[in-house]
Amino acid sequence: MRQKIVAGNWKMNKTLEEAQSLTSEIMGMVADEVKGAVKVVLCVPFPYLVTIKNQLGSSATIFVGAQNASQHDSGAYTGEVSVSMIKSIDVPFIIIGHSERRQYFGEDSKLLALKVDKVLAAGLTPIFCCGEPLEIRENGTHESLVKQQVEESLFHLSPEELKKTVIAYEPVWAIGTGKTASSQQAEDMHAVIRKHLASKYGNEVAQSISILYGGSVKSDNAKELFSQPNVDGGLVGGASLKSREFVEIVKSI
């Protein structure tokens, strides 16, 4: 059975007090209402990682994650945060290659491969993002682009390393736009990704990889999305900033 995961990407939102309040609300609701074997990951802004990690305590269901990490181990890189720093505060998940990092900060597949390597070498779990912008979807080359993204950033890994990686497919045209890929569109792309993994690593490895859907996931579409055979959870943006909405998404898996 593949691990079911719902990760909330808070992006650059919330003050510390608001973050603690949101975490408290989510913890209470998850404890009372979530019964399935699902991992919940709260990917919070860097300044709050330690506070939220401590607030979660020894929860076996809810974990904290970082939204990015540097490809460098240390040095004169003002404003950057290394994987070893994140590991030192016992944060187990790191998002790598979110479309906003690709778009606004010019992160390419070669750089993301280095970041994935750093995360895995530290014994942490990368949530590797891939996905196409609207013009690529409209011209029909979305499958080839996403396969290229996966290949260039992940296909150098050993089978054992790949098994420790989570993939998140995020159609860029559906992030923060209110548009959502239909459940069939999501399933089709997840199946393409899994088949591409199988072409390199074999079906057994490919079937073990959790592939999340990210792109305007909401409580009213989560159940249909998560019911697809190759969709193993979600990477949730705006809806993760509202405790009731986020927990309803978690309960949909």
C-alpha atoms as a PDB file:
ATOM      1  CA  MET A   1       0.000   0.000   0.000  1.00  0.00           C
ATOM      2  CA  ARG A   2       1.345   3.416  -0.969  1.00  0.00           C
ATOM      3  CA  GLN A   3       1.455   6.026   1.783  1.00  0.00           C
ATOM      4  CA  LYS A   4      -1.465   8.453   1.638  1.00  0.00           C
ATOM      5  CA  ILE A   5      -0.261  12.033   2.214  1.00  0.00           C
ATOM      6  CA  VAL A   6      -1.958  15.404   2.409  1.00  0.00           C
ATOM      7  CA  ALA A   7       0.546  18.247   2.620  1.00  0.00           C
ATOM      8  CA  GLY A   8      -0.409  21.851   3.237  1.00  0.00           C
ATOM      9  CA  ASN A   9       1.861  24.436   1.608  1.00  0.00           C
ATOM     10  CA  TRP A  10       1.358  27.648   3.567  1.00  0.00           C
ATOM     11  CA  LYS A  11       3.666  29.589   1.240  1.00  0.00           C
ATOM     12  CA  MET A  12       4.476  33.104   2.527  1.00  0.00           C
ATOM     13  CA  ASN A  13       1.464  33.488   4.794  1.00  0.00           C
ATOM     14  CA  LYS A  14       0.561  33.867   8.492  1.00  0.00           C
ATOM     15  CA  THR A  15       2.221  35.576  11.427  1.00  0.00           C
ATOM     16  CA  LEU A  16       3.661  33.350  14.136  1.00  0.00           C
ATOM     17  CA  GLU A  17       0.589  33.759  16.314  1.00  0.00           C
ATOM     18  CA  GLU A  18      -1.696  32.931  13.398  1.00  0.00           C
ATOM     19  CA  ALA A  19       0.442  29.919  12.500  1.00  0.00           C
ATOM     20  CA  GLN A  20       0.249  28.553  16.034  1.00  0.00           C
ATOM     21  CA  SER A  21      -3.500  29.080  16.141  1.00  0.00           C
ATOM     22  CA  LEU A  22      -4.013  27.340  12.788  1.00  0.00           C
ATOM     23  CA  THR A  23      -1.821  24.429  13.869  1.00  0.00           C
ATOM     24  CA  SER A  24      -3.740  24.062  17.115  1.00  0.00           C
ATOM     25  CA  GLU A  25      -7.053  23.963  15.260  1.00  0.00           C
ATOM     26  CA  ILE A  26      -5.779  21.393  12.761  1.00  0.00           C
ATOM     27  CA  MET A  27      -4.343  19.199  15.524  1.00  0.00           C
ATOM     28  CA  GLY A  28      -7.626  19.156  17.388  1.00  0.00           C
ATOM     29  CA  MET A  29      -9.728  18.359  14.355  1.00  0.00           C
ATOM     30  CA  VAL A  30      -7.360  15.677  13.082  1.00  0.00           C
ATOM     31  CA  ALA A  31      -7.281  13.993  16.497  1.00  0.00           C
ATOM     32  CA  ASP A  32     -11.083  13.992  16.713  1.00  0.00           C
ATOM     33  CA  GLU A  33     -12.050  13.274  13.129  1.00  0.00           C
ATOM     34  CA  VAL A  34      -9.308  11.587  11.090  1.00  0.00           C
ATOM     35  CA  LYS A  35      -9.196   7.826  11.458  1.00  0.00           C
ATOM     36  CA  GLY A  36      -7.457   6.623   8.292  1.00  0.00           C
ATOM     37  CA  ALA A  37      -3.777   5.905   7.742  1.00  0.00           C
ATOM     38  CA  VAL A  38      -2.858   9.280   6.264  1.00  0.00           C
ATOM     39  CA  LYS A  39       0.191  11.453   6.882  1.00  0.00           C
ATOM     40  CA  VAL A  40      -0.513  15.157   7.246  1.00  0.00           C
ATOM     41  CA  VAL A  41       2.389  17.513   6.527  1.00  0.00           C
ATOM     42  CA  LEU A  42       2.321  21.226   7.373  1.00  0.00           C
ATOM     43  CA  CYS A  43       4.882  23.011   5.173  1.00  0.00           C
ATOM     44  CA  VAL A  44       5.252  26.260   7.079  1.00  0.00           C
ATOM     45  CA  PRO A  45       7.486  29.323   6.546  1.00  0.00           C
ATOM     46  CA  PHE A  46      11.090  28.915   7.694  1.00  0.00           C
ATOM     47  CA  PRO A  47      10.830  31.145  10.812  1.00  0.00           C
ATOM     48  CA  TYR A  48       8.104  28.901  12.258  1.00  0.00           C
ATOM     49  CA  LEU A  49       9.600  25.459  11.695  1.00  0.00           C
ATOM     50  CA  VAL A  50      10.943  24.951  15.219  1.00  0.00           C
ATOM     51  CA  THR A  51       7.864  26.407  16.909  1.00  0.00           C
ATOM     52  CA  ILE A  52       5.410  24.327  14.896  1.00  0.00           C
ATOM     53  CA  LYS A  53       7.595  21.214  15.221  1.00  0.00           C
ATOM     54  CA  ASN A  54       7.533  21.612  19.011  1.00  0.00           C
ATOM     55  CA  GLN A  55       3.810  22.323  19.003  1.00  0.00           C
ATOM     56  CA  LEU A  56       3.109  19.089  17.104  1.00  0.00           C
ATOM     57  CA  GLY A  57       5.182  17.129  19.605  1.00  0.00           C
ATOM     58  CA  SER A  58       5.300  13.400  18.978  1.00  0.00           C
ATOM     59  CA  SER A  59       2.231  13.246  16.742  1.00  0.00           C
ATOM     60  CA  ALA A  60       2.207  10.106  14.620  1.00  0.00           C
ATOM     61  CA  THR A  61      -0.107  11.714  12.066  1.00  0.00           C
ATOM     62  CA  ILE A  62       0.937  15.359  11.600  1.00  0.00           C
ATOM     63  CA  PHE A  63       4.459  16.348  10.573  1.00  0.00           C
ATOM     64  CA  VAL A  64       6.179  19.601   9.692  1.00  0.00           C
ATOM     65  CA  GLY A  65       7.867  20.330   6.389  1.00  0.00           C
ATOM     66  CA  ALA A  66       9.998  23.062   4.839  1.00  0.00           C
ATOM     67  CA  GLN A  67       9.048  24.779   1.592  1.00  0.00           C
ATOM     68  CA  ASN A  68      12.511  24.836   0.023  1.00  0.00           C
ATOM     69  CA  ALA A  69      16.200  24.277   0.736  1.00  0.00           C
ATOM     70  CA  SER A  70      19.519  25.331  -0.747  1.00  0.00           C
ATOM     71  CA  GLN A  71      21.673  23.078  -2.881  1.00  0.00           C
ATOM     72  CA  HIS A  72      24.681  24.304  -0.867  1.00  0.00           C
ATOM     73  CA  ASP A  73      25.847  22.767   2.409  1.00  0.00           C
ATOM     74  CA  SER A  74      27.013  26.051   3.947  1.00  0.00           C
ATOM     75  CA  GLY A  75      28.814  29.260   3.088  1.00  0.00           C
ATOM     76  CA  ALA A  76      28.308  32.847   1.993  1.00  0.00           C
ATOM     77  CA  TYR A  77      24.759  32.495   0.688  1.00  0.00           C
ATOM     78  CA  THR A  78      22.874  35.198   2.548  1.00  0.00           C
ATOM     79  CA  GLY A  79      19.233  34.366   3.089  1.00  0.00           C
ATOM     80  CA  GLU A  80      19.532  30.701   2.128  1.00  0.00           C
ATOM     81  CA  VAL A  81      18.763  27.693   4.350  1.00  0.00           C
ATOM     82  CA  SER A  82      20.665  24.424   3.985  1.00  0.00           C
ATOM     83  CA  VAL A  83      19.304  20.907   4.236  1.00  0.00           C
ATOM     84  CA  SER A  84      21.632  20.233   7.176  1.00  0.00           C
ATOM     85  CA  MET A  85      20.044  23.148   9.055  1.00  0.00           C
ATOM     86  CA  ILE A  86      16.595  21.721   8.416  1.00  0.00           C
ATOM     87  CA  LYS A  87      17.749  18.252   9.470  1.00  0.00           C
ATOM     88  CA  SER A  88      19.247  19.674  12.671  1.00  0.00           C
ATOM     89  CA  ILE A  89      15.787  20.810  13.815  1.00  0.00           C
ATOM     90  CA  ASP A  90      14.306  17.400  12.975  1.00  0.00           C
ATOM     91  CA  VAL A  91      12.050  18.483  10.110  1.00  0.00           C
ATOM     92  CA  PRO A  92      11.402  15.386   7.951  1.00  0.00           C
ATOM     93  CA  PHE A  93       9.913  16.794   4.712  1.00  0.00           C
ATOM     94  CA  ILE A  94      11.125  19.425   2.219  1.00  0.00           C
ATOM     95  CA  ILE A  95       9.266  20.638  -0.874  1.00  0.00           C
ATOM     96  CA  ILE A  96      11.625  20.772  -3.854  1.00  0.00           C
ATOM     97  CA  GLY A  97      10.891  22.422  -7.191  1.00  0.00           C
ATOM     98  CA  HIS A  98       7.515  24.012  -6.532  1.00  0.00           C
ATOM     99  CA  SER A  99       6.301  25.790  -9.664  1.00  0.00           C
ATOM    100  CA  GLU A 100       6.694  29.151  -7.921  1.00  0.00           C
ATOM    101  CA  ARG A 101      10.364  28.385  -7.283  1.00  0.00           C
ATOM    102  CA  ARG A 102      10.761  27.442 -10.944  1.00  0.00           C
ATOM    103  CA  GLN A 103       8.858  30.499 -12.183  1.00  0.00           C
ATOM    104  CA  TYR A 104      10.020  33.263  -9.836  1.00  0.00           C
ATOM    105  CA  PHE A 105      13.500  32.057  -8.918  1.00  0.00           C
ATOM    106  CA  GLY A 106      14.588  30.330 -12.122  1.00  0.00           C
ATOM    107  CA  GLU A 107      15.119  26.890 -10.616  1.00  0.00           C
ATOM    108  CA  ASP A 108      15.747  24.327 -13.358  1.00  0.00           C
ATOM    109  CA  SER A 109      15.912  20.555 -13.460  1.00  0.00           C
ATOM    110  CA  LYS A 110      19.692  20.393 -12.969  1.00  0.00           C
ATOM    111  CA  LEU A 111      19.503  22.518  -9.825  1.00  0.00           C
ATOM    112  CA  LEU A 112      16.557  20.548  -8.493  1.00  0.00           C
ATOM    113  CA  ALA A 113      18.450  17.292  -8.989  1.00  0.00           C
ATOM    114  CA  LEU A 114      21.173  18.666  -6.704  1.00  0.00           C
ATOM    115  CA  LYS A 115      18.582  19.680  -4.106  1.00  0.00           C
ATOM    116  CA  VAL A 116      16.907  16.271  -4.210  1.00  0.00           C
ATOM    117  CA  ASP A 117      20.319  14.657  -3.663  1.00  0.00           C
ATOM    118  CA  LYS A 118      20.984  16.840  -0.608  1.00  0.00           C
ATOM    119  CA  VAL A 119      17.603  16.021   0.925  1.00  0.00           C
ATOM    120  CA  LEU A 120      17.967  12.286   0.415  1.00  0.00           C
ATOM    121  CA  ALA A 121      21.586  12.249   1.640  1.00  0.00           C
ATOM    122  CA  ALA A 122      20.363  13.827   4.882  1.00  0.00           C
ATOM    123  CA  GLY A 123      17.788  11.079   5.347  1.00  0.00           C
ATOM    124  CA  LEU A 124      14.868  13.438   4.751  1.00  0.00           C
ATOM    125  CA  THR A 125      11.951  13.143   2.323  1.00  0.00           C
ATOM    126  CA  PRO A 126      11.778  15.408  -0.734  1.00  0.00           C
ATOM    127  CA  ILE A 127       8.349  16.282  -2.082  1.00  0.00           C
ATOM    128  CA  PHE A 128       9.409  16.820  -5.676  1.00  0.00           C
ATOM    129  CA  CYS A 129       7.067  18.986  -7.743  1.00  0.00           C
ATOM    130  CA  CYS A 130       6.510  18.809 -11.475  1.00  0.00           C
ATOM    131  CA  GLY A 131       3.868  20.193 -13.799  1.00  0.00           C
ATOM    132  CA  GLU A 132       3.058  22.220 -16.892  1.00  0.00           C
ATOM    133  CA  PRO A 133       1.934  25.812 -17.538  1.00  0.00           C
ATOM    134  CA  LEU A 134      -1.249  26.560 -19.478  1.00  0.00           C
ATOM    135  CA  GLU A 135       0.363  27.082 -22.887  1.00  0.00           C
ATOM    136  CA  ILE A 136       2.035  23.661 -22.700  1.00  0.00           C
ATOM    137  CA  ARG A 137      -1.252  22.007 -21.740  1.00  0.00           C
ATOM    138  CA  GLU A 138      -3.033  23.759 -24.600  1.00  0.00           C
ATOM    139  CA  ASN A 139      -0.494  22.753 -27.229  1.00  0.00           C
ATOM    140  CA  GLY A 140      -0.639  19.133 -26.125  1.00  0.00           C
ATOM    141  CA  THR A 141       2.965  18.666 -25.014  1.00  0.00           C
ATOM    142  CA  HIS A 142       2.216  18.484 -21.285  1.00  0.00           C
ATOM    143  CA  GLU A 143       2.984  14.789 -20.946  1.00  0.00           C
ATOM    144  CA  SER A 144       6.395  15.089 -22.583  1.00  0.00           C
ATOM    145  CA  LEU A 145       7.313  18.124 -20.451  1.00  0.00           C
ATOM    146  CA  VAL A 146       6.379  16.465 -17.169  1.00  0.00           C
ATOM    147  CA  LYS A 147       8.213  13.273 -18.116  1.00  0.00           C
ATOM    148  CA  GLN A 148      11.261  15.413 -18.939  1.00  0.00           C
ATOM    149  CA  GLN A 149      11.063  17.190 -15.563  1.00  0.00           C
ATOM    150  CA  VAL A 150      10.902  13.855 -13.732  1.00  0.00           C
ATOM    151  CA  GLU A 151      13.657  12.333 -15.827  1.00  0.00           C
ATOM    152  CA  GLU A 152      16.102  15.238 -15.490  1.00  0.00           C
ATOM    153  CA  SER A 153      15.716  15.608 -11.728  1.00  0.00           C
ATOM    154  CA  LEU A 154      15.060  12.053 -10.510  1.00  0.00           C
ATOM    155  CA  PHE A 155      16.316   9.442 -12.980  1.00  0.00           C
ATOM    156  CA  HIS A 156      19.876   9.601 -11.634  1.00  0.00           C
ATOM    157  CA  LEU A 157      18.645   8.184  -8.322  1.00  0.00           C
ATOM    158  CA  SER A 158      19.015   4.575  -7.279  1.00  0.00           C
ATOM    159  CA  PRO A 159      15.798   2.574  -6.850  1.00  0.00           C
ATOM    160  CA  GLU A 160      16.249   2.771  -3.070  1.00  0.00           C
ATOM    161  CA  GLU A 161      16.585   6.555  -3.222  1.00  0.00           C
ATOM    162  CA  LEU A 162      13.572   6.951  -5.483  1.00  0.00           C
ATOM    163  CA  LYS A 163      11.456   4.934  -3.056  1.00  0.00           C
ATOM    164  CA  LYS A 164      12.177   7.594  -0.418  1.00  0.00           C
ATOM    165  CA  THR A 165      10.889  10.370  -2.691  1.00  0.00           C
ATOM    166  CA  VAL A 166       7.361  11.769  -2.899  1.00  0.00           C
ATOM    167  CA  ILE A 167       6.250  13.304  -6.207  1.00  0.00           C
ATOM    168  CA  ALA A 168       3.654  16.062  -6.500  1.00  0.00           C
ATOM    169  CA  TYR A 169       2.071  16.791  -9.869  1.00  0.00           C
ATOM    170  CA  GLU A 170       0.878  20.378 -10.035  1.00  0.00           C
ATOM    171  CA  PRO A 171      -0.678  21.716 -13.226  1.00  0.00           C
ATOM    172  CA  VAL A 172       0.613  25.278 -13.009  1.00  0.00           C
ATOM    173  CA  TRP A 173      -2.505  26.601 -14.726  1.00  0.00           C
ATOM    174  CA  ALA A 174      -4.581  25.358 -11.774  1.00  0.00           C
ATOM    175  CA  ILE A 175      -2.541  26.860  -8.925  1.00  0.00           C
ATOM    176  CA  GLY A 176      -4.292  29.748  -7.224  1.00  0.00           C
ATOM    177  CA  THR A 177      -6.506  30.289 -10.264  1.00  0.00           C
ATOM    178  CA  GLY A 178      -9.592  28.521  -9.019  1.00  0.00           C
ATOM    179  CA  LYS A 179      -9.262  26.154 -11.982  1.00  0.00           C
ATOM    180  CA  THR A 180      -8.733  22.508 -11.200  1.00  0.00           C
ATOM    181  CA  ALA A 181      -7.720  19.654 -13.413  1.00  0.00           C
ATOM    182  CA  SER A 182     -10.607  17.249 -13.678  1.00  0.00           C
ATOM    183  CA  SER A 183     -10.193  14.045 -11.741  1.00  0.00           C
ATOM    184  CA  GLN A 184      -9.613  12.261 -15.052  1.00  0.00           C
ATOM    185  CA  GLN A 185      -6.961  14.783 -16.139  1.00  0.00           C
ATOM    186  CA  ALA A 186      -5.213  14.333 -12.798  1.00  0.00           C
ATOM    187  CA  GLU A 187      -5.422  10.554 -13.009  1.00  0.00           C
ATOM    188  CA  ASP A 188      -4.155  10.518 -16.586  1.00  0.00           C
ATOM    189  CA  MET A 189      -1.040  12.525 -15.709  1.00  0.00           C
ATOM    190  CA  HIS A 190      -0.353  10.573 -12.535  1.00  0.00           C
ATOM    191  CA  ALA A 191      -0.564   7.385 -14.593  1.00  0.00           C
ATOM    192  CA  VAL A 192       1.859   8.860 -17.145  1.00  0.00           C
ATOM    193  CA  ILE A 193       4.328   9.701 -14.361  1.00  0.00           C
ATOM    194  CA  ARG A 194       4.048   6.244 -12.804  1.00  0.00           C
ATOM    195  CA  LYS A 195       4.475   4.538 -16.177  1.00  0.00           C
ATOM    196  CA  HIS A 196       7.546   6.672 -16.865  1.00  0.00           C
ATOM    197  CA  LEU A 197       9.014   5.690 -13.494  1.00  0.00           C
ATOM    198  CA  ALA A 198       8.322   2.046 -14.343  1.00  0.00           C
ATOM    199  CA  SER A 199      10.168   2.397 -17.664  1.00  0.00           C
ATOM    200  CA  LYS A 200      13.344   3.169 -15.718  1.00  0.00           C
ATOM    201  CA  TYR A 201      12.913   1.415 -12.375  1.00  0.00           C
ATOM    202  CA  GLY A 202      10.371  -1.338 -12.988  1.00  0.00           C
ATOM    203  CA  ASN A 203       6.750  -1.603 -11.969  1.00  0.00           C
ATOM    204  CA  GLU A 204       7.363  -2.656  -8.364  1.00  0.00           C
ATOM    205  CA  VAL A 205       9.320   0.509  -7.585  1.00  0.00           C
ATOM    206  CA  ALA A 206       6.925   2.715  -9.550  1.00  0.00           C
ATOM    207  CA  GLN A 207       3.936   1.318  -7.684  1.00  0.00           C
ATOM    208  CA  SER A 208       5.552   2.156  -4.342  1.00  0.00           C
ATOM    209  CA  ILE A 209       5.903   5.913  -5.026  1.00  0.00           C
ATOM    210  CA  SER A 210       3.306   8.277  -3.580  1.00  0.00           C
ATOM    211  CA  ILE A 211       2.209  10.807  -6.215  1.00  0.00           C
ATOM    212  CA  LEU A 212       0.233  13.778  -4.905  1.00  0.00           C
ATOM    213  CA  TYR A 213      -2.001  16.146  -6.848  1.00  0.00           C
ATOM    214  CA  GLY A 214      -1.545  19.884  -6.334  1.00  0.00           C
ATOM    215  CA  GLY A 215      -3.671  22.519  -7.991  1.00  0.00           C
ATOM    216  CA  SER A 216      -6.605  24.241  -6.266  1.00  0.00           C
ATOM    217  CA  VAL A 217      -7.522  21.198  -4.179  1.00  0.00           C
ATOM    218  CA  LYS A 218     -10.623  21.984  -2.109  1.00  0.00           C
ATOM    219  CA  SER A 219     -12.980  20.071   0.130  1.00  0.00           C
ATOM    220  CA  ASP A 220     -15.585  19.863  -2.619  1.00  0.00           C
ATOM    221  CA  ASN A 221     -13.268  18.245  -5.192  1.00  0.00           C
ATOM    222  CA  ALA A 222     -10.822  16.331  -2.978  1.00  0.00           C
ATOM    223  CA  LYS A 223     -12.822  13.125  -2.648  1.00  0.00           C
ATOM    224  CA  GLU A 224     -13.201  12.684  -6.395  1.00  0.00           C
ATOM    225  CA  LEU A 225      -9.536  13.500  -6.999  1.00  0.00           C
ATOM    226  CA  PHE A 226      -8.321  11.166  -4.256  1.00  0.00           C
ATOM    227  CA  SER A 227     -10.543   8.338  -5.494  1.00  0.00           C
ATOM    228  CA  GLN A 228      -8.426   7.982  -8.625  1.00  0.00           C
ATOM    229  CA  PRO A 229      -6.170   4.909  -8.515  1.00  0.00           C
ATOM    230  CA  ASN A 230      -2.907   6.773  -9.118  1.00  0.00           C
ATOM    231  CA  VAL A 231      -3.628   9.830  -6.938  1.00  0.00           C
ATOM    232  CA  ASP A 232      -2.179   9.220  -3.466  1.00  0.00           C
ATOM    233  CA  GLY A 233      -3.054  12.515  -1.814  1.00  0.00           C
ATOM    234  CA  GLY A 234      -2.641  16.224  -2.292  1.00  0.00           C
ATOM    235  CA  LEU A 235      -0.298  19.176  -2.040  1.00  0.00           C
ATOM    236  CA  VAL A 236      -2.746  21.837  -0.884  1.00  0.00           C
ATOM    237  CA  GLY A 237      -2.134  25.570  -1.189  1.00  0.00           C
ATOM    238  CA  GLY A 238      -4.727  28.186  -0.254  1.00  0.00           C
ATOM    239  CA  ALA A 239      -7.149  25.716   1.302  1.00  0.00           C
ATOM    240  CA  SER A 240      -4.472  24.667   3.825  1.00  0.00           C
ATOM    241  CA  LEU A 241      -4.711  28.101   5.458  1.00  0.00           C
ATOM    242  CA  LYS A 242      -8.242  27.364   6.703  1.00  0.00           C
ATOM    243  CA  SER A 243      -8.361  24.657   9.344  1.00  0.00           C
ATOM    244  CA  ARG A 244     -11.855  23.312   8.650  1.00  0.00           C
ATOM    245  CA  GLU A 245     -11.359  23.303   4.878  1.00  0.00           C
ATOM    246  CA  PHE A 246      -7.969  21.591   5.174  1.00  0.00           C
ATOM    247  CA  VAL A 247      -9.162  18.892   7.556  1.00  0.00           C
ATOM    248  CA  GLU A 248     -12.138  18.147   5.310  1.00  0.00           C
ATOM    249  CA  ILE A 249      -9.629  17.580   2.512  1.00  0.00           C
ATOM    250  CA  VAL A 250      -7.618  15.246   4.763  1.00  0.00           C
ATOM    251  CA  LYS A 251     -10.791  13.329   5.592  1.00  0.00           C
ATOM    252  CA  SER A 252     -11.513  12.892   1.869  1.00  0.00           C
ATOM    253  CA  ILE A 253      -8.585  10.573   1.321  1.00  0.00           C
END
